[in-house]
Amino acid sequence: MNESNNPFGGAGGGYAQAVSYGAPTAASGADLIKDTTTAAFTTDVIQESRNQPVLVDFWAPWCGPCKQLTPVLEKAVQAAGGKVKLVKMNIDDHPSIAGQLGIQSIPAIVAFVDGKPVDGFMGAQPETKIMEFIAKLVEGGQESEIEAALEMAAQAREQGDPQQAAQIYAAIVQQDAKNADALGGLADILFEAGQADKAREVLDRVPEEGKSNPTVVAVEAKIALAEQVASLGDPDELERRLAADPKDHQARFDLAMIQNARGEREAAADSLLAIVKADREWKEDGARAQLLQFFEAWGPTDEATLTARRKLSSLLFS
């Protein structure tokens, strides 16, 4: 999302300060691969794995399979372009860490993420298997970070900061162009900002498998309702029609739709209840049917739903 398309200013600024996706860095080969000691293990592995996954290669000079694995492992780490780092530990010189992890044979590779061992393998492996292992590890780390970012965006919206939320959603989409949660959230913010056309453009980028995402479905419904309401006419004119003829149920029904779109739920419910009270048979009980649709959209615990249900029951069973 570039600045020209962002109603809230530059994209990603606040987000970039809050979370990193472990994206490729400009680290040199020396930065990506290093030897460590027992004393340096906390810095080199535990702390560093909070930035990106770290593979620890437990080896020894006398280990033949270690000599086969290490160059293949180093090549795979270099190919990952900074998304993962490799730390090598000679267990002859530094046996305590391997002992704490229960390592009884080498070569042994243990992957650390967020300061904890999360996966690993033992023995020499072909390059394709190592590449698959790294890809799975990096993908899992990105998914975890994206989940955390989505939570940050939700919190920003709850705190009344749509600009920050939009920046976070935009940054997620840059990392994962098919993320339905982020696309739906961004579209919702654009719609609420009065940019329905841009919201629709964002929704058009949601892949088929993401169409059923609750956030996407909700925004689609908002846009559809807004389009429906736009075709209903001027609410002031509807009010004038009702003043002239209180039995103009179509005007009252259309006004209820507009009131709901404005977020005036109690007023929308009261308009439909007035039709139910005056004429249950109007359009085959259409006012009650629409009210039940409102209940479904608002949710069973919404105060407007609870109040209107009580009023409807009173009308139907009194």
C-alpha atoms as a PDB file:
ATOM      1  CA  MET A   1       0.000   0.000   0.000  1.00  0.00           C
ATOM      2  CA  ASN A   2       1.777   3.151  -1.123  1.00  0.00           C
ATOM      3  CA  GLU A   3       1.329   6.568   0.358  1.00  0.00           C
ATOM      4  CA  SER A   4      -0.908   7.824  -2.430  1.00  0.00           C
ATOM      5  CA  ASN A   5      -3.424   5.060  -1.728  1.00  0.00           C
ATOM      6  CA  ASN A   6      -3.242   5.284   2.031  1.00  0.00           C
ATOM      7  CA  PRO A   7      -5.769   7.698   3.589  1.00  0.00           C
ATOM      8  CA  PHE A   8      -3.791   7.611   6.803  1.00  0.00           C
ATOM      9  CA  GLY A   9      -0.364   8.686   5.532  1.00  0.00           C
ATOM     10  CA  GLY A  10       2.816   6.674   4.952  1.00  0.00           C
ATOM     11  CA  ALA A  11       2.552   2.919   5.271  1.00  0.00           C
ATOM     12  CA  GLY A  12       4.359   0.829   7.801  1.00  0.00           C
ATOM     13  CA  GLY A  13       6.214   3.441   9.829  1.00  0.00           C
ATOM     14  CA  GLY A  14       4.845   2.695  13.283  1.00  0.00           C
ATOM     15  CA  TYR A  15       4.570  -0.983  12.499  1.00  0.00           C
ATOM     16  CA  ALA A  16       8.202  -1.276  11.484  1.00  0.00           C
ATOM     17  CA  GLN A  17       9.207  -0.015  14.912  1.00  0.00           C
ATOM     18  CA  ALA A  18       6.970  -2.512  16.662  1.00  0.00           C
ATOM     19  CA  VAL A  19       7.638  -5.792  14.894  1.00  0.00           C
ATOM     20  CA  SER A  20      10.042  -7.267  12.356  1.00  0.00           C
ATOM     21  CA  TYR A  21       9.168 -10.135  10.082  1.00  0.00           C
ATOM     22  CA  GLY A  22      12.638 -11.617  10.101  1.00  0.00           C
ATOM     23  CA  ALA A  23      13.036 -10.471   6.498  1.00  0.00           C
ATOM     24  CA  PRO A  24      16.335 -10.957   4.720  1.00  0.00           C
ATOM     25  CA  THR A  25      19.070  -8.718   6.014  1.00  0.00           C
ATOM     26  CA  ALA A  26      22.274  -7.413   4.511  1.00  0.00           C
ATOM     27  CA  ALA A  27      24.290  -9.626   6.862  1.00  0.00           C
ATOM     28  CA  SER A  28      27.562 -10.945   5.530  1.00  0.00           C
ATOM     29  CA  GLY A  29      28.524 -14.601   5.555  1.00  0.00           C
ATOM     30  CA  ALA A  30      30.542 -14.019   8.704  1.00  0.00           C
ATOM     31  CA  ASP A  31      27.457 -12.613  10.415  1.00  0.00           C
ATOM     32  CA  LEU A  32      25.292 -15.558   9.380  1.00  0.00           C
ATOM     33  CA  ILE A  33      27.658 -18.319  10.471  1.00  0.00           C
ATOM     34  CA  LYS A  34      29.830 -18.354  13.577  1.00  0.00           C
ATOM     35  CA  ASP A  35      31.353 -20.552  16.262  1.00  0.00           C
ATOM     36  CA  THR A  36      30.215 -20.177  19.851  1.00  0.00           C
ATOM     37  CA  THR A  37      31.235 -21.128  23.368  1.00  0.00           C
ATOM     38  CA  THR A  38      29.392 -22.049  26.522  1.00  0.00           C
ATOM     39  CA  ALA A  39      29.820 -18.498  27.825  1.00  0.00           C
ATOM     40  CA  ALA A  40      28.602 -16.913  24.590  1.00  0.00           C
ATOM     41  CA  PHE A  41      25.697 -19.322  23.972  1.00  0.00           C
ATOM     42  CA  THR A  42      23.080 -17.079  25.591  1.00  0.00           C
ATOM     43  CA  THR A  43      24.043 -14.118  23.399  1.00  0.00           C
ATOM     44  CA  ASP A  44      24.752 -16.016  20.190  1.00  0.00           C
ATOM     45  CA  VAL A  45      21.741 -18.336  20.330  1.00  0.00           C
ATOM     46  CA  ILE A  46      19.109 -17.491  22.944  1.00  0.00           C
ATOM     47  CA  GLN A  47      19.057 -13.740  22.417  1.00  0.00           C
ATOM     48  CA  GLU A  48      19.776 -13.847  18.681  1.00  0.00           C
ATOM     49  CA  SER A  49      16.922 -16.301  18.057  1.00  0.00           C
ATOM     50  CA  ARG A  50      14.510 -13.563  19.077  1.00  0.00           C
ATOM     51  CA  ASN A  51      15.489 -11.769  15.842  1.00  0.00           C
ATOM     52  CA  GLN A  52      15.359 -14.788  13.491  1.00  0.00           C
ATOM     53  CA  PRO A  53      15.690 -18.574  13.854  1.00  0.00           C
ATOM     54  CA  VAL A  54      19.128 -19.840  14.831  1.00  0.00           C
ATOM     55  CA  LEU A  55      20.407 -23.314  13.963  1.00  0.00           C
ATOM     56  CA  VAL A  56      22.928 -24.780  16.385  1.00  0.00           C
ATOM     57  CA  ASP A  57      25.283 -27.369  14.886  1.00  0.00           C
ATOM     58  CA  PHE A  58      26.688 -29.613  17.618  1.00  0.00           C
ATOM     59  CA  TRP A  59      29.816 -31.262  16.190  1.00  0.00           C
ATOM     60  CA  ALA A  60      33.290 -32.572  17.045  1.00  0.00           C
ATOM     61  CA  PRO A  61      36.580 -32.718  15.085  1.00  0.00           C
ATOM     62  CA  TRP A  62      36.612 -36.524  15.098  1.00  0.00           C
ATOM     63  CA  CYS A  63      33.055 -36.831  13.666  1.00  0.00           C
ATOM     64  CA  GLY A  64      33.069 -37.896  10.005  1.00  0.00           C
ATOM     65  CA  PRO A  65      29.368 -37.202   9.305  1.00  0.00           C
ATOM     66  CA  CYS A  66      29.824 -33.746  10.847  1.00  0.00           C
ATOM     67  CA  LYS A  67      32.417 -32.945   8.180  1.00  0.00           C
ATOM     68  CA  GLN A  68      29.898 -33.996   5.513  1.00  0.00           C
ATOM     69  CA  LEU A  69      26.986 -32.042   7.000  1.00  0.00           C
ATOM     70  CA  THR A  70      28.628 -28.740   7.906  1.00  0.00           C
ATOM     71  CA  PRO A  71      29.421 -27.437   4.390  1.00  0.00           C
ATOM     72  CA  VAL A  72      25.940 -28.412   3.153  1.00  0.00           C
ATOM     73  CA  LEU A  73      24.386 -26.716   6.161  1.00  0.00           C
ATOM     74  CA  GLU A  74      26.448 -23.566   5.642  1.00  0.00           C
ATOM     75  CA  LYS A  75      25.439 -23.399   1.978  1.00  0.00           C
ATOM     76  CA  ALA A  76      21.735 -23.684   2.861  1.00  0.00           C
ATOM     77  CA  VAL A  77      22.002 -20.954   5.502  1.00  0.00           C
ATOM     78  CA  GLN A  78      23.767 -18.638   3.048  1.00  0.00           C
ATOM     79  CA  ALA A  79      21.043 -19.306   0.483  1.00  0.00           C
ATOM     80  CA  ALA A  80      18.372 -18.280   3.024  1.00  0.00           C
ATOM     81  CA  GLY A  81      19.729 -14.731   2.799  1.00  0.00           C
ATOM     82  CA  GLY A  82      19.610 -13.780   6.472  1.00  0.00           C
ATOM     83  CA  LYS A  83      16.309 -15.411   7.409  1.00  0.00           C
ATOM     84  CA  VAL A  84      18.186 -17.899   9.565  1.00  0.00           C
ATOM     85  CA  LYS A  85      21.620 -18.014  11.213  1.00  0.00           C
ATOM     86  CA  LEU A  86      23.980 -20.885  11.991  1.00  0.00           C
ATOM     87  CA  VAL A  87      25.962 -21.242  15.219  1.00  0.00           C
ATOM     88  CA  LYS A  88      28.471 -24.098  15.550  1.00  0.00           C
ATOM     89  CA  MET A  89      29.441 -25.609  18.887  1.00  0.00           C
ATOM     90  CA  ASN A  90      32.343 -28.025  19.352  1.00  0.00           C
ATOM     91  CA  ILE A  91      31.067 -30.411  22.042  1.00  0.00           C
ATOM     92  CA  ASP A  92      34.598 -31.588  22.893  1.00  0.00           C
ATOM     93  CA  ASP A  93      35.467 -28.063  24.034  1.00  0.00           C
ATOM     94  CA  HIS A  94      31.966 -27.149  25.259  1.00  0.00           C
ATOM     95  CA  PRO A  95      30.014 -30.249  26.334  1.00  0.00           C
ATOM     96  CA  SER A  96      27.608 -28.741  28.888  1.00  0.00           C
ATOM     97  CA  ILE A  97      25.008 -27.250  26.522  1.00  0.00           C
ATOM     98  CA  ALA A  98      24.731 -30.487  24.522  1.00  0.00           C
ATOM     99  CA  GLY A  99      24.351 -32.377  27.786  1.00  0.00           C
ATOM    100  CA  GLN A 100      21.576 -30.061  28.960  1.00  0.00           C
ATOM    101  CA  LEU A 101      19.720 -30.637  25.691  1.00  0.00           C
ATOM    102  CA  GLY A 102      20.090 -34.414  25.956  1.00  0.00           C
ATOM    103  CA  ILE A 103      22.197 -34.756  22.823  1.00  0.00           C
ATOM    104  CA  GLN A 104      23.840 -38.168  22.787  1.00  0.00           C
ATOM    105  CA  SER A 105      25.090 -38.438  19.208  1.00  0.00           C
ATOM    106  CA  ILE A 106      26.346 -36.040  16.567  1.00  0.00           C
ATOM    107  CA  PRO A 107      25.966 -34.314  14.240  1.00  0.00           C
ATOM    108  CA  ALA A 108      22.889 -32.840  15.868  1.00  0.00           C
ATOM    109  CA  ILE A 109      21.119 -29.709  14.652  1.00  0.00           C
ATOM    110  CA  VAL A 110      18.777 -27.866  17.014  1.00  0.00           C
ATOM    111  CA  ALA A 111      16.675 -24.907  15.853  1.00  0.00           C
ATOM    112  CA  PHE A 112      15.994 -22.085  18.308  1.00  0.00           C
ATOM    113  CA  VAL A 113      13.163 -19.560  17.922  1.00  0.00           C
ATOM    114  CA  ASP A 114      12.288 -16.884  20.491  1.00  0.00           C
ATOM    115  CA  GLY A 115      14.894 -18.260  22.861  1.00  0.00           C
ATOM    116  CA  LYS A 116      13.610 -21.845  22.832  1.00  0.00           C
ATOM    117  CA  PRO A 117      14.532 -25.050  20.976  1.00  0.00           C
ATOM    118  CA  VAL A 118      11.650 -25.820  18.596  1.00  0.00           C
ATOM    119  CA  ASP A 119      12.898 -28.444  16.127  1.00  0.00           C
ATOM    120  CA  GLY A 120      15.943 -30.341  14.968  1.00  0.00           C
ATOM    121  CA  PHE A 121      17.438 -33.394  13.302  1.00  0.00           C
ATOM    122  CA  MET A 122      20.384 -35.747  13.706  1.00  0.00           C
ATOM    123  CA  GLY A 123      22.874 -37.163  11.247  1.00  0.00           C
ATOM    124  CA  ALA A 124      24.028 -36.000   7.843  1.00  0.00           C
ATOM    125  CA  GLN A 125      21.193 -34.956   5.531  1.00  0.00           C
ATOM    126  CA  PRO A 126      21.030 -34.143   1.798  1.00  0.00           C
ATOM    127  CA  GLU A 127      20.866 -30.505   0.781  1.00  0.00           C
ATOM    128  CA  THR A 128      17.202 -30.729  -0.304  1.00  0.00           C
ATOM    129  CA  LYS A 129      16.142 -31.960   3.133  1.00  0.00           C
ATOM    130  CA  ILE A 130      18.062 -29.191   4.862  1.00  0.00           C
ATOM    131  CA  MET A 131      16.518 -26.562   2.587  1.00  0.00           C
ATOM    132  CA  GLU A 132      13.048 -27.940   3.366  1.00  0.00           C
ATOM    133  CA  PHE A 133      13.825 -27.859   7.095  1.00  0.00           C
ATOM    134  CA  ILE A 134      14.918 -24.207   6.924  1.00  0.00           C
ATOM    135  CA  ALA A 135      11.933 -23.200   4.774  1.00  0.00           C
ATOM    136  CA  LYS A 136       9.517 -24.791   7.247  1.00  0.00           C
ATOM    137  CA  LEU A 137      11.285 -23.133  10.157  1.00  0.00           C
ATOM    138  CA  VAL A 138      11.239 -19.668   8.565  1.00  0.00           C
ATOM    139  CA  GLU A 139       7.611 -20.008   7.489  1.00  0.00           C
ATOM    140  CA  GLY A 140       6.564 -21.015  10.989  1.00  0.00           C
ATOM    141  CA  GLY A 141       8.373 -18.022  12.452  1.00  0.00           C
ATOM    142  CA  GLN A 142       6.705 -15.660  10.001  1.00  0.00           C
ATOM    143  CA  GLU A 143       3.265 -17.097  10.786  1.00  0.00           C
ATOM    144  CA  SER A 144       3.851 -16.491  14.484  1.00  0.00           C
ATOM    145  CA  GLU A 145       4.950 -12.906  13.826  1.00  0.00           C
ATOM    146  CA  ILE A 146       1.978 -12.272  11.543  1.00  0.00           C
ATOM    147  CA  GLU A 147      -0.413 -13.510  14.219  1.00  0.00           C
ATOM    148  CA  ALA A 148       1.186 -11.130  16.700  1.00  0.00           C
ATOM    149  CA  ALA A 149       0.948  -8.284  14.178  1.00  0.00           C
ATOM    150  CA  LEU A 150      -2.740  -8.976  13.540  1.00  0.00           C
ATOM    151  CA  GLU A 151      -3.347  -8.756  17.277  1.00  0.00           C
ATOM    152  CA  MET A 152      -1.497  -5.434  17.372  1.00  0.00           C
ATOM    153  CA  ALA A 153      -3.678  -4.115  14.549  1.00  0.00           C
ATOM    154  CA  ALA A 154      -6.842  -5.182  16.366  1.00  0.00           C
ATOM    155  CA  GLN A 155      -5.666  -3.444  19.529  1.00  0.00           C
ATOM    156  CA  ALA A 156      -4.867  -0.278  17.578  1.00  0.00           C
ATOM    157  CA  ARG A 157      -8.411  -0.199  16.207  1.00  0.00           C
ATOM    158  CA  GLU A 158      -9.890  -0.788  19.644  1.00  0.00           C
ATOM    159  CA  GLN A 159      -7.845   2.140  20.936  1.00  0.00           C
ATOM    160  CA  GLY A 160      -9.177   4.396  18.187  1.00  0.00           C
ATOM    161  CA  ASP A 161      -6.050   4.471  16.026  1.00  0.00           C
ATOM    162  CA  PRO A 162      -7.065   3.304  12.523  1.00  0.00           C
ATOM    163  CA  GLN A 163      -3.944   4.875  11.037  1.00  0.00           C
ATOM    164  CA  GLN A 164      -1.669   2.571  13.011  1.00  0.00           C
ATOM    165  CA  ALA A 165      -3.896  -0.418  12.269  1.00  0.00           C
ATOM    166  CA  ALA A 166      -3.856   0.364   8.537  1.00  0.00           C
ATOM    167  CA  GLN A 167      -0.077   0.580   8.559  1.00  0.00           C
ATOM    168  CA  ILE A 168       0.212  -2.798  10.254  1.00  0.00           C
ATOM    169  CA  TYR A 169      -2.251  -4.457   7.884  1.00  0.00           C
ATOM    170  CA  ALA A 170      -0.406  -2.965   4.897  1.00  0.00           C
ATOM    171  CA  ALA A 171       2.927  -4.286   6.177  1.00  0.00           C
ATOM    172  CA  ILE A 172       1.447  -7.764   6.668  1.00  0.00           C
ATOM    173  CA  VAL A 173       0.104  -7.743   3.111  1.00  0.00           C
ATOM    174  CA  GLN A 174       3.550  -6.781   1.831  1.00  0.00           C
ATOM    175  CA  GLN A 175       4.894  -9.887   3.564  1.00  0.00           C
ATOM    176  CA  ASP A 176       1.937 -12.182   2.800  1.00  0.00           C
ATOM    177  CA  ALA A 177      -0.090 -10.893  -0.156  1.00  0.00           C
ATOM    178  CA  LYS A 178      -2.813 -13.516   0.366  1.00  0.00           C
ATOM    179  CA  ASN A 179      -3.425 -12.970   4.073  1.00  0.00           C
ATOM    180  CA  ALA A 180      -7.222 -12.698   4.283  1.00  0.00           C
ATOM    181  CA  ASP A 181      -7.237 -11.321   7.842  1.00  0.00           C
ATOM    182  CA  ALA A 182      -4.993  -8.411   6.889  1.00  0.00           C
ATOM    183  CA  LEU A 183      -6.743  -7.747   3.568  1.00  0.00           C
ATOM    184  CA  GLY A 184     -10.120  -7.809   5.283  1.00  0.00           C
ATOM    185  CA  GLY A 185      -8.948  -5.540   8.077  1.00  0.00           C
ATOM    186  CA  LEU A 186      -7.436  -3.049   5.652  1.00  0.00           C
ATOM    187  CA  ALA A 187     -10.577  -3.067   3.503  1.00  0.00           C
ATOM    188  CA  ASP A 188     -12.730  -2.463   6.577  1.00  0.00           C
ATOM    189  CA  ILE A 189     -10.671   0.569   7.598  1.00  0.00           C
ATOM    190  CA  LEU A 190     -10.862   1.992   4.082  1.00  0.00           C
ATOM    191  CA  PHE A 191     -14.629   1.451   4.014  1.00  0.00           C
ATOM    192  CA  GLU A 192     -15.091   3.136   7.388  1.00  0.00           C
ATOM    193  CA  ALA A 193     -12.995   6.039   6.072  1.00  0.00           C
ATOM    194  CA  GLY A 194     -15.511   6.518   3.265  1.00  0.00           C
ATOM    195  CA  GLN A 195     -13.370   4.906   0.568  1.00  0.00           C
ATOM    196  CA  ALA A 196     -15.641   2.064  -0.513  1.00  0.00           C
ATOM    197  CA  ASP A 197     -14.049   1.839  -3.970  1.00  0.00           C
ATOM    198  CA  LYS A 198     -10.576   1.295  -2.514  1.00  0.00           C
ATOM    199  CA  ALA A 199     -12.007  -1.188  -0.009  1.00  0.00           C
ATOM    200  CA  ARG A 200     -13.465  -3.133  -2.910  1.00  0.00           C
ATOM    201  CA  GLU A 201     -10.079  -3.092  -4.686  1.00  0.00           C
ATOM    202  CA  VAL A 202      -8.467  -4.610  -1.605  1.00  0.00           C
ATOM    203  CA  LEU A 203     -11.173  -7.275  -1.287  1.00  0.00           C
ATOM    204  CA  ASP A 204     -10.655  -8.207  -4.932  1.00  0.00           C
ATOM    205  CA  ARG A 205      -7.140  -9.308  -3.955  1.00  0.00           C
ATOM    206  CA  VAL A 206      -8.421 -11.889  -1.459  1.00  0.00           C
ATOM    207  CA  PRO A 207      -7.755 -15.393  -2.840  1.00  0.00           C
ATOM    208  CA  GLU A 208     -10.654 -17.787  -3.317  1.00  0.00           C
ATOM    209  CA  GLU A 209      -9.749 -19.779  -0.209  1.00  0.00           C
ATOM    210  CA  GLY A 210      -9.945 -16.591   1.862  1.00  0.00           C
ATOM    211  CA  LYS A 211     -13.422 -15.517   0.738  1.00  0.00           C
ATOM    212  CA  SER A 212     -15.037 -17.217   3.746  1.00  0.00           C
ATOM    213  CA  ASN A 213     -12.793 -15.377   6.233  1.00  0.00           C
ATOM    214  CA  PRO A 214     -15.126 -13.731   8.811  1.00  0.00           C
ATOM    215  CA  THR A 215     -13.507 -10.312   8.444  1.00  0.00           C
ATOM    216  CA  VAL A 216     -13.762 -10.455   4.663  1.00  0.00           C
ATOM    217  CA  VAL A 217     -17.385 -11.629   4.831  1.00  0.00           C
ATOM    218  CA  ALA A 218     -18.254  -8.798   7.230  1.00  0.00           C
ATOM    219  CA  VAL A 219     -16.759  -6.113   4.984  1.00  0.00           C
ATOM    220  CA  GLU A 220     -18.441  -7.607   1.930  1.00  0.00           C
ATOM    221  CA  ALA A 221     -21.745  -7.387   3.813  1.00  0.00           C
ATOM    222  CA  LYS A 222     -21.109  -3.766   4.779  1.00  0.00           C
ATOM    223  CA  ILE A 223     -20.388  -2.799   1.186  1.00  0.00           C
ATOM    224  CA  ALA A 224     -23.424  -4.694  -0.100  1.00  0.00           C
ATOM    225  CA  LEU A 225     -25.648  -3.030   2.488  1.00  0.00           C
ATOM    226  CA  ALA A 226     -24.254   0.396   1.664  1.00  0.00           C
ATOM    227  CA  GLU A 227     -24.943  -0.190  -2.021  1.00  0.00           C
ATOM    228  CA  GLN A 228     -28.460  -1.322  -1.193  1.00  0.00           C
ATOM    229  CA  VAL A 229     -29.075   1.699   1.016  1.00  0.00           C
ATOM    230  CA  ALA A 230     -27.707   4.044  -1.648  1.00  0.00           C
ATOM    231  CA  SER A 231     -30.486   2.880  -3.940  1.00  0.00           C
ATOM    232  CA  LEU A 232     -33.174   3.626  -1.357  1.00  0.00           C
ATOM    233  CA  GLY A 233     -33.120   7.362  -1.787  1.00  0.00           C
ATOM    234  CA  ASP A 234     -32.895  10.411   0.464  1.00  0.00           C
ATOM    235  CA  PRO A 235     -33.741   9.720   4.141  1.00  0.00           C
ATOM    236  CA  ASP A 236     -35.109  13.249   4.506  1.00  0.00           C
ATOM    237  CA  GLU A 237     -37.536  12.566   1.680  1.00  0.00           C
ATOM    238  CA  LEU A 238     -38.582   9.311   3.366  1.00  0.00           C
ATOM    239  CA  GLU A 239     -39.228  11.219   6.590  1.00  0.00           C
ATOM    240  CA  ARG A 240     -41.400  13.684   4.673  1.00  0.00           C
ATOM    241  CA  ARG A 241     -43.363  10.835   3.099  1.00  0.00           C
ATOM    242  CA  LEU A 242     -44.025   9.336   6.530  1.00  0.00           C
ATOM    243  CA  ALA A 243     -45.125  12.699   7.924  1.00  0.00           C
ATOM    244  CA  ALA A 244     -47.629  12.966   5.111  1.00  0.00           C
ATOM    245  CA  ASP A 245     -48.720   9.322   5.361  1.00  0.00           C
ATOM    246  CA  PRO A 246     -47.814   7.265   8.454  1.00  0.00           C
ATOM    247  CA  LYS A 247     -49.094   4.151   6.628  1.00  0.00           C
ATOM    248  CA  ASP A 248     -46.422   4.435   3.921  1.00  0.00           C
ATOM    249  CA  HIS A 249     -44.791   1.184   5.026  1.00  0.00           C
ATOM    250  CA  GLN A 250     -42.334   1.104   2.127  1.00  0.00           C
ATOM    251  CA  ALA A 251     -40.949   4.489   3.165  1.00  0.00           C
ATOM    252  CA  ARG A 252     -40.639   3.295   6.762  1.00  0.00           C
ATOM    253  CA  PHE A 253     -38.978   0.032   5.645  1.00  0.00           C
ATOM    254  CA  ASP A 254     -36.454   1.886   3.465  1.00  0.00           C
ATOM    255  CA  LEU A 255     -35.764   4.290   6.317  1.00  0.00           C
ATOM    256  CA  ALA A 256     -35.076   1.335   8.627  1.00  0.00           C
ATOM    257  CA  MET A 257     -32.459   0.061   6.185  1.00  0.00           C
ATOM    258  CA  ILE A 258     -30.783   3.465   6.120  1.00  0.00           C
ATOM    259  CA  GLN A 259     -30.907   3.756   9.908  1.00  0.00           C
ATOM    260  CA  ASN A 260     -29.216   0.378  10.252  1.00  0.00           C
ATOM    261  CA  ALA A 261     -26.494   1.391   7.802  1.00  0.00           C
ATOM    262  CA  ARG A 262     -25.889   4.495   9.907  1.00  0.00           C
ATOM    263  CA  GLY A 263     -25.475   2.346  13.007  1.00  0.00           C
ATOM    264  CA  GLU A 264     -28.810   3.528  14.438  1.00  0.00           C
ATOM    265  CA  ARG A 265     -29.869   0.037  15.405  1.00  0.00           C
ATOM    266  CA  GLU A 266     -32.598   0.840  17.909  1.00  0.00           C
ATOM    267  CA  ALA A 267     -34.213   3.309  15.489  1.00  0.00           C
ATOM    268  CA  ALA A 268     -34.037   0.743  12.672  1.00  0.00           C
ATOM    269  CA  ALA A 269     -35.655  -1.895  14.867  1.00  0.00           C
ATOM    270  CA  ASP A 270     -38.386   0.494  15.996  1.00  0.00           C
ATOM    271  CA  SER A 271     -39.195   1.392  12.381  1.00  0.00           C
ATOM    272  CA  LEU A 272     -39.674  -2.258  11.461  1.00  0.00           C
ATOM    273  CA  LEU A 273     -41.605  -2.979  14.658  1.00  0.00           C
ATOM    274  CA  ALA A 274     -43.964  -0.139  13.768  1.00  0.00           C
ATOM    275  CA  ILE A 275     -44.746  -1.903  10.475  1.00  0.00           C
ATOM    276  CA  VAL A 276     -45.237  -5.250  12.246  1.00  0.00           C
ATOM    277  CA  LYS A 277     -47.640  -3.604  14.672  1.00  0.00           C
ATOM    278  CA  ALA A 278     -49.600  -1.827  11.930  1.00  0.00           C
ATOM    279  CA  ASP A 279     -49.742  -4.600   9.325  1.00  0.00           C
ATOM    280  CA  ARG A 280     -48.305  -8.078   9.870  1.00  0.00           C
ATOM    281  CA  GLU A 281     -49.279  -9.098   6.344  1.00  0.00           C
ATOM    282  CA  TRP A 282     -47.380  -6.304   4.566  1.00  0.00           C
ATOM    283  CA  LYS A 283     -45.177  -7.947   1.931  1.00  0.00           C
ATOM    284  CA  GLU A 284     -45.790 -11.381   3.493  1.00  0.00           C
ATOM    285  CA  ASP A 285     -44.531 -10.333   6.938  1.00  0.00           C
ATOM    286  CA  GLY A 286     -41.504  -8.707   5.304  1.00  0.00           C
ATOM    287  CA  ALA A 287     -40.811  -6.292   8.170  1.00  0.00           C
ATOM    288  CA  ARG A 288     -40.471  -9.095  10.705  1.00  0.00           C
ATOM    289  CA  ALA A 289     -38.287 -11.100   8.319  1.00  0.00           C
ATOM    290  CA  GLN A 290     -35.956  -8.124   7.862  1.00  0.00           C
ATOM    291  CA  LEU A 291     -35.829  -7.563  11.610  1.00  0.00           C
ATOM    292  CA  LEU A 292     -34.719 -11.164  12.113  1.00  0.00           C
ATOM    293  CA  GLN A 293     -31.938 -10.566   9.577  1.00  0.00           C
ATOM    294  CA  PHE A 294     -30.859  -7.555  11.596  1.00  0.00           C
ATOM    295  CA  PHE A 295     -30.738  -9.732  14.725  1.00  0.00           C
ATOM    296  CA  GLU A 296     -28.467 -12.190  12.925  1.00  0.00           C
ATOM    297  CA  ALA A 297     -26.145  -9.427  11.713  1.00  0.00           C
ATOM    298  CA  TRP A 298     -26.026  -7.632  15.070  1.00  0.00           C
ATOM    299  CA  GLY A 299     -25.441 -10.786  17.084  1.00  0.00           C
ATOM    300  CA  PRO A 300     -27.580 -12.439  19.786  1.00  0.00           C
ATOM    301  CA  THR A 301     -26.009 -10.544  22.683  1.00  0.00           C
ATOM    302  CA  ASP A 302     -26.150  -7.057  21.150  1.00  0.00           C
ATOM    303  CA  GLU A 303     -28.218  -4.703  23.289  1.00  0.00           C
ATOM    304  CA  ALA A 304     -30.288  -3.619  20.283  1.00  0.00           C
ATOM    305  CA  THR A 305     -31.065  -7.268  19.494  1.00  0.00           C
ATOM    306  CA  LEU A 306     -32.119  -8.035  23.056  1.00  0.00           C
ATOM    307  CA  THR A 307     -34.323  -4.949  23.318  1.00  0.00           C
ATOM    308  CA  ALA A 308     -35.977  -5.443  19.935  1.00  0.00           C
ATOM    309  CA  ARG A 309     -36.586  -9.155  20.609  1.00  0.00           C
ATOM    310  CA  ARG A 310     -38.463  -8.259  23.769  1.00  0.00           C
ATOM    311  CA  LYS A 311     -40.573  -5.702  21.896  1.00  0.00           C
ATOM    312  CA  LEU A 312     -41.258  -8.166  19.066  1.00  0.00           C
ATOM    313  CA  SER A 313     -42.345 -10.873  21.486  1.00  0.00           C
ATOM    314  CA  SER A 314     -44.660  -8.426  23.173  1.00  0.00           C
ATOM    315  CA  LEU A 315     -46.255  -7.558  19.830  1.00  0.00           C
ATOM    316  CA  LEU A 316     -46.639 -11.131  18.678  1.00  0.00           C
ATOM    317  CA  PHE A 317     -47.869 -12.731  21.880  1.00  0.00           C
ATOM    318  CA  SER A 318     -49.770  -9.976  23.667  1.00  0.00           C
END
